[in-house]
Amino acid sequence: MPTVILCSFFASFDRRNLGLATSPLQGALTLNDPAYGLGASLALLVGAGAVLFLLPRGLRAQEGSA
């Protein structure tokens, strides 16, 4: 359970940082709103995929090595 809480904390922190970086990133990359939204959603999906697929694999490896 502590792992889930920690992952949830980092996910909310990541979303907050992405929201704060919207204006400077859009100006620097000259992206319109739909393009930035697509990029942001893909970034969050990749992060969620890493937690969903890589974290359980690491936990299983840890259990097997004990």
PDB file of N, CA and C in Angstrom:
ATOM      1  N   MET A   1       0.798  -1.206   0.000  1.00  0.00           N
ATOM      2  CA  MET A   1       0.000   0.000   0.000  1.00  0.00           C
ATOM      3  C   MET A   1       0.845   1.278   0.000  1.00  0.00           C
ATOM      4  N   PRO A   2       1.980   1.311   0.690  1.00  0.00           N
ATOM      5  CA  PRO A   2       2.792   2.538   0.629  1.00  0.00           C
ATOM      6  C   PRO A   2       3.263   2.862  -0.789  1.00  0.00           C
ATOM      7  N   THR A   3       3.496   1.843  -1.597  1.00  0.00           N
ATOM      8  CA  THR A   3       3.927   2.074  -2.971  1.00  0.00           C
ATOM      9  C   THR A   3       2.838   2.772  -3.768  1.00  0.00           C
ATOM     10  N   VAL A   4       1.600   2.358  -3.565  1.00  0.00           N
ATOM     11  CA  VAL A   4       0.477   2.977  -4.267  1.00  0.00           C
ATOM     12  C   VAL A   4       0.322   4.438  -3.848  1.00  0.00           C
ATOM     13  N   ILE A   5       0.465   4.710  -2.591  1.00  0.00           N
ATOM     14  CA  ILE A   5       0.356   6.084  -2.085  1.00  0.00           C
ATOM     15  C   ILE A   5       1.482   6.945  -2.666  1.00  0.00           C
ATOM     16  N   LEU A   6       2.676   6.400  -2.697  1.00  0.00           N
ATOM     17  CA  LEU A   6       3.807   7.137  -3.246  1.00  0.00           C
ATOM     18  C   LEU A   6       3.619   7.410  -4.733  1.00  0.00           C
ATOM     19  N   CYS A   7       3.152   6.422  -5.477  1.00  0.00           N
ATOM     20  CA  CYS A   7       2.898   6.606  -6.910  1.00  0.00           C
ATOM     21  C   CYS A   7       1.794   7.632  -7.143  1.00  0.00           C
ATOM     22  N   SER A   8       0.775   7.606  -6.307  1.00  0.00           N
ATOM     23  CA  SER A   8      -0.310   8.577  -6.425  1.00  0.00           C
ATOM     24  C   SER A   8       0.196  10.000  -6.167  1.00  0.00           C
ATOM     25  N   PHE A   9       1.065  10.142  -5.192  1.00  0.00           N
ATOM     26  CA  PHE A   9       1.647  11.454  -4.896  1.00  0.00           C
ATOM     27  C   PHE A   9       2.436  11.982  -6.087  1.00  0.00           C
ATOM     28  N   PHE A  10       3.286  11.142  -6.660  1.00  0.00           N
ATOM     29  CA  PHE A  10       4.092  11.582  -7.793  1.00  0.00           C
ATOM     30  C   PHE A  10       3.241  11.858  -9.024  1.00  0.00           C
ATOM     31  N   ALA A  11       2.163  11.112  -9.210  1.00  0.00           N
ATOM     32  CA  ALA A  11       1.277  11.366 -10.347  1.00  0.00           C
ATOM     33  C   ALA A  11       0.603  12.728 -10.214  1.00  0.00           C
ATOM     34  N   SER A  12       0.123  13.056  -9.010  1.00  0.00           N
ATOM     35  CA  SER A  12      -0.517  14.363  -8.820  1.00  0.00           C
ATOM     36  C   SER A  12       0.513  15.488  -8.946  1.00  0.00           C
ATOM     37  N   PHE A  13       1.706  15.260  -8.479  1.00  0.00           N
ATOM     38  CA  PHE A  13       2.779  16.246  -8.600  1.00  0.00           C
ATOM     39  C   PHE A  13       3.124  16.485 -10.064  1.00  0.00           C
ATOM     40  N   ASP A  14       3.150  15.411 -10.851  1.00  0.00           N
ATOM     41  CA  ASP A  14       3.451  15.515 -12.272  1.00  0.00           C
ATOM     42  C   ASP A  14       2.370  16.302 -13.005  1.00  0.00           C
ATOM     43  N   ARG A  15       1.099  16.039 -12.692  1.00  0.00           N
ATOM     44  CA  ARG A  15       0.001  16.774 -13.330  1.00  0.00           C
ATOM     45  C   ARG A  15       0.047  18.255 -12.972  1.00  0.00           C
ATOM     46  N   ARG A  16       0.383  18.560 -11.725  1.00  0.00           N
ATOM     47  CA  ARG A  16       0.464  19.955 -11.301  1.00  0.00           C
ATOM     48  C   ARG A  16       1.586  20.682 -12.035  1.00  0.00           C
ATOM     49  N   ASN A  17       2.736  20.039 -12.169  1.00  0.00           N
ATOM     50  CA  ASN A  17       3.855  20.653 -12.882  1.00  0.00           C
ATOM     51  C   ASN A  17       3.526  20.864 -14.350  1.00  0.00           C
ATOM     52  N   LEU A  18       2.840  19.916 -14.947  1.00  0.00           N
ATOM     53  CA  LEU A  18       2.461  20.043 -16.344  1.00  0.00           C
ATOM     54  C   LEU A  18       1.497  21.214 -16.530  1.00  0.00           C
ATOM     55  N   GLY A  19       0.608  21.420 -15.592  1.00  0.00           N
ATOM     56  CA  GLY A  19      -0.315  22.551 -15.673  1.00  0.00           C
ATOM     57  C   GLY A  19       0.395  23.893 -15.547  1.00  0.00           C
ATOM     58  N   LEU A  20       1.405  23.946 -14.690  1.00  0.00           N
ATOM     59  CA  LEU A  20       2.150  25.195 -14.513  1.00  0.00           C
ATOM     60  C   LEU A  20       3.045  25.508 -15.712  1.00  0.00           C
ATOM     61  N   ALA A  21       3.474  24.481 -16.420  1.00  0.00           N
ATOM     62  CA  ALA A  21       4.390  24.679 -17.541  1.00  0.00           C
ATOM     63  C   ALA A  21       3.660  24.924 -18.854  1.00  0.00           C
ATOM     64  N   THR A  22       2.343  24.934 -18.859  1.00  0.00           N
ATOM     65  CA  THR A  22       1.586  25.054 -20.104  1.00  0.00           C
ATOM     66  C   THR A  22       1.934  26.326 -20.866  1.00  0.00           C
ATOM     67  N   SER A  23       1.830  27.454 -20.248  1.00  0.00           N
ATOM     68  CA  SER A  23       2.030  28.726 -20.942  1.00  0.00           C
ATOM     69  C   SER A  23       3.453  28.886 -21.492  1.00  0.00           C
ATOM     70  N   PRO A  24       4.503  28.664 -20.684  1.00  0.00           N
ATOM     71  CA  PRO A  24       5.852  28.814 -21.242  1.00  0.00           C
ATOM     72  C   PRO A  24       6.168  27.799 -22.347  1.00  0.00           C
ATOM     73  N   LEU A  25       5.685  26.566 -22.199  1.00  0.00           N
ATOM     74  CA  LEU A  25       5.960  25.555 -23.221  1.00  0.00           C
ATOM     75  C   LEU A  25       5.244  25.859 -24.531  1.00  0.00           C
ATOM     76  N   GLN A  26       4.001  26.296 -24.442  1.00  0.00           N
ATOM     77  CA  GLN A  26       3.271  26.618 -25.666  1.00  0.00           C
ATOM     78  C   GLN A  26       3.938  27.770 -26.402  1.00  0.00           C
ATOM     79  N   GLY A  27       4.423  28.738 -25.676  1.00  0.00           N
ATOM     80  CA  GLY A  27       5.094  29.867 -26.316  1.00  0.00           C
ATOM     81  C   GLY A  27       6.427  29.466 -26.934  1.00  0.00           C
ATOM     82  N   ALA A  28       7.182  28.626 -26.232  1.00  0.00           N
ATOM     83  CA  ALA A  28       8.499  28.226 -26.730  1.00  0.00           C
ATOM     84  C   ALA A  28       8.390  27.271 -27.914  1.00  0.00           C
ATOM     85  N   LEU A  29       7.398  26.402 -27.897  1.00  0.00           N
ATOM     86  CA  LEU A  29       7.271  25.407 -28.966  1.00  0.00           C
ATOM     87  C   LEU A  29       6.290  25.819 -30.056  1.00  0.00           C
ATOM     88  N   THR A  30       5.638  26.937 -29.886  1.00  0.00           N
ATOM     89  CA  THR A  30       4.611  27.455 -30.807  1.00  0.00           C
ATOM     90  C   THR A  30       3.563  26.384 -31.137  1.00  0.00           C
ATOM     91  N   LEU A  31       2.982  25.840 -30.100  1.00  0.00           N
ATOM     92  CA  LEU A  31       1.926  24.831 -30.245  1.00  0.00           C
ATOM     93  C   LEU A  31       0.573  25.459 -29.960  1.00  0.00           C
ATOM     94  N   ASN A  32      -0.442  24.999 -30.671  1.00  0.00           N
ATOM     95  CA  ASN A  32      -1.798  25.438 -30.339  1.00  0.00           C
ATOM     96  C   ASN A  32      -2.344  24.534 -29.230  1.00  0.00           C
ATOM     97  N   ASP A  33      -3.519  24.865 -28.727  1.00  0.00           N
ATOM     98  CA  ASP A  33      -4.073  24.137 -27.584  1.00  0.00           C
ATOM     99  C   ASP A  33      -4.301  22.646 -27.843  1.00  0.00           C
ATOM    100  N   PRO A  34      -4.892  22.241 -28.975  1.00  0.00           N
ATOM    101  CA  PRO A  34      -5.089  20.799 -29.191  1.00  0.00           C
ATOM    102  C   PRO A  34      -3.776  20.014 -29.287  1.00  0.00           C
ATOM    103  N   ALA A  35      -2.768  20.596 -29.914  1.00  0.00           N
ATOM    104  CA  ALA A  35      -1.480  19.898 -30.033  1.00  0.00           C
ATOM    105  C   ALA A  35      -0.820  19.750 -28.671  1.00  0.00           C
ATOM    106  N   TYR A  36      -0.879  20.790 -27.855  1.00  0.00           N
ATOM    107  CA  TYR A  36      -0.297  20.704 -26.525  1.00  0.00           C
ATOM    108  C   TYR A  36      -1.064  19.705 -25.660  1.00  0.00           C
ATOM    109  N   GLY A  37      -2.381  19.704 -25.780  1.00  0.00           N
ATOM    110  CA  GLY A  37      -3.192  18.753 -25.021  1.00  0.00           C
ATOM    111  C   GLY A  37      -2.887  17.318 -25.395  1.00  0.00           C
ATOM    112  N   LEU A  38      -2.683  17.056 -26.680  1.00  0.00           N
ATOM    113  CA  LEU A  38      -2.332  15.709 -27.119  1.00  0.00           C
ATOM    114  C   LEU A  38      -0.967  15.300 -26.564  1.00  0.00           C
ATOM    115  N   GLY A  39      -0.012  16.180 -26.630  1.00  0.00           N
ATOM    116  CA  GLY A  39       1.316  15.871 -26.092  1.00  0.00           C
ATOM    117  C   GLY A  39       1.308  15.650 -24.595  1.00  0.00           C
ATOM    118  N   ALA A  40       0.552  16.472 -23.884  1.00  0.00           N
ATOM    119  CA  ALA A  40       0.474  16.320 -22.435  1.00  0.00           C
ATOM    120  C   ALA A  40      -0.217  15.020 -22.058  1.00  0.00           C
ATOM    121  N   SER A  41      -1.294  14.676 -22.764  1.00  0.00           N
ATOM    122  CA  SER A  41      -1.994  13.435 -22.433  1.00  0.00           C
ATOM    123  C   SER A  41      -1.129  12.222 -22.755  1.00  0.00           C
ATOM    124  N   LEU A  42      -0.359  12.276 -23.836  1.00  0.00           N
ATOM    125  CA  LEU A  42       0.548  11.170 -24.143  1.00  0.00           C
ATOM    126  C   LEU A  42       1.640  11.039 -23.085  1.00  0.00           C
ATOM    127  N   ALA A  43       2.148  12.150 -22.597  1.00  0.00           N
ATOM    128  CA  ALA A  43       3.169  12.101 -21.557  1.00  0.00           C
ATOM    129  C   ALA A  43       2.618  11.481 -20.278  1.00  0.00           C
ATOM    130  N   LEU A  44       1.394  11.839 -19.913  1.00  0.00           N
ATOM    131  CA  LEU A  44       0.798  11.268 -18.706  1.00  0.00           C
ATOM    132  C   LEU A  44       0.469   9.790 -18.892  1.00  0.00           C
ATOM    133  N   LEU A  45       0.055   9.392 -20.102  1.00  0.00           N
ATOM    134  CA  LEU A  45      -0.229   7.984 -20.353  1.00  0.00           C
ATOM    135  C   LEU A  45       1.041   7.141 -20.298  1.00  0.00           C
ATOM    136  N   VAL A  46       2.135   7.668 -20.805  1.00  0.00           N
ATOM    137  CA  VAL A  46       3.400   6.936 -20.740  1.00  0.00           C
ATOM    138  C   VAL A  46       3.825   6.762 -19.292  1.00  0.00           C
ATOM    139  N   GLY A  47       3.663   7.799 -18.483  1.00  0.00           N
ATOM    140  CA  GLY A  47       3.995   7.691 -17.055  1.00  0.00           C
ATOM    141  C   GLY A  47       3.108   6.694 -16.335  1.00  0.00           C
ATOM    142  N   ALA A  48       1.821   6.708 -16.660  1.00  0.00           N
ATOM    143  CA  ALA A  48       0.907   5.742 -16.031  1.00  0.00           C
ATOM    144  C   ALA A  48       1.218   4.329 -16.496  1.00  0.00           C
ATOM    145  N   GLY A  49       1.588   4.172 -17.751  1.00  0.00           N
ATOM    146  CA  GLY A  49       1.939   2.845 -18.260  1.00  0.00           C
ATOM    147  C   GLY A  49       3.174   2.295 -17.570  1.00  0.00           C
ATOM    148  N   ALA A  50       4.131   3.160 -17.298  1.00  0.00           N
ATOM    149  CA  ALA A  50       5.328   2.714 -16.592  1.00  0.00           C
ATOM    150  C   ALA A  50       4.980   2.227 -15.199  1.00  0.00           C
ATOM    151  N   VAL A  51       4.087   2.929 -14.521  1.00  0.00           N
ATOM    152  CA  VAL A  51       3.689   2.513 -13.173  1.00  0.00           C
ATOM    153  C   VAL A  51       2.892   1.226 -13.230  1.00  0.00           C
ATOM    154  N   LEU A  52       1.997   1.111 -14.201  1.00  0.00           N
ATOM    155  CA  LEU A  52       1.137  -0.064 -14.269  1.00  0.00           C
ATOM    156  C   LEU A  52       1.887  -1.320 -14.691  1.00  0.00           C
ATOM    157  N   PHE A  53       2.884  -1.193 -15.561  1.00  0.00           N
ATOM    158  CA  PHE A  53       3.536  -2.377 -16.103  1.00  0.00           C
ATOM    159  C   PHE A  53       4.923  -2.641 -15.532  1.00  0.00           C
ATOM    160  N   LEU A  54       5.690  -1.613 -15.231  1.00  0.00           N
ATOM    161  CA  LEU A  54       7.044  -1.829 -14.754  1.00  0.00           C
ATOM    162  C   LEU A  54       7.114  -2.028 -13.245  1.00  0.00           C
ATOM    163  N   LEU A  55       6.299  -1.343 -12.501  1.00  0.00           N
ATOM    164  CA  LEU A  55       6.324  -1.475 -11.047  1.00  0.00           C
ATOM    165  C   LEU A  55       5.941  -2.885 -10.593  1.00  0.00           C
ATOM    166  N   PRO A  56       4.852  -3.474 -11.108  1.00  0.00           N
ATOM    167  CA  PRO A  56       4.548  -4.846 -10.680  1.00  0.00           C
ATOM    168  C   PRO A  56       5.635  -5.843 -11.067  1.00  0.00           C
ATOM    169  N   ARG A  57       6.291  -5.639 -12.212  1.00  0.00           N
ATOM    170  CA  ARG A  57       7.368  -6.535 -12.622  1.00  0.00           C
ATOM    171  C   ARG A  57       8.513  -6.462 -11.625  1.00  0.00           C
ATOM    172  N   GLY A  58       8.853  -5.256 -11.175  1.00  0.00           N
ATOM    173  CA  GLY A  58       9.921  -5.096 -10.189  1.00  0.00           C
ATOM    174  C   GLY A  58       9.559  -5.711  -8.853  1.00  0.00           C
ATOM    175  N   LEU A  59       8.302  -5.595  -8.459  1.00  0.00           N
ATOM    176  CA  LEU A  59       7.869  -6.194  -7.199  1.00  0.00           C
ATOM    177  C   LEU A  59       7.897  -7.715  -7.269  1.00  0.00           C
ATOM    178  N   ARG A  60       7.521  -8.272  -8.430  1.00  0.00           N
ATOM    179  CA  ARG A  60       7.580  -9.732  -8.591  1.00  0.00           C
ATOM    180  C   ARG A  60       9.019 -10.220  -8.551  1.00  0.00           C
ATOM    181  N   ALA A  61       9.942  -9.489  -9.149  1.00  0.00           N
ATOM    182  CA  ALA A  61      11.344  -9.872  -9.126  1.00  0.00           C
ATOM    183  C   ALA A  61      11.896  -9.795  -7.717  1.00  0.00           C
ATOM    184  N   GLN A  62      11.418  -8.824  -6.975  1.00  0.00           N
ATOM    185  CA  GLN A  62      11.881  -8.678  -5.587  1.00  0.00           C
ATOM    186  C   GLN A  62      11.390  -9.846  -4.738  1.00  0.00           C
ATOM    187  N   GLU A  63      10.148 -10.296  -4.962  1.00  0.00           N
ATOM    188  CA  GLU A  63       9.622 -11.416  -4.194  1.00  0.00           C
ATOM    189  C   GLU A  63      10.358 -12.704  -4.543  1.00  0.00           C
ATOM    190  N   GLY A  64      10.711 -12.872  -5.808  1.00  0.00           N
ATOM    191  CA  GLY A  64      11.367 -14.102  -6.226  1.00  0.00           C
ATOM    192  C   GLY A  64      12.803 -14.207  -5.744  1.00  0.00           C
ATOM    193  N   SER A  65      13.450 -13.072  -5.494  1.00  0.00           N
ATOM    194  CA  SER A  65      14.848 -13.101  -5.088  1.00  0.00           C
ATOM    195  C   SER A  65      15.015 -13.277  -3.589  1.00  0.00           C
ATOM    196  N   ALA A  66      13.939 -13.218  -2.843  1.00  0.00           N
ATOM    197  CA  ALA A  66      14.056 -13.308  -1.376  1.00  0.00           C
ATOM    198  C   ALA A  66      14.209 -14.698  -0.882  1.00  0.00           C
TER     199      ALA A  66
END
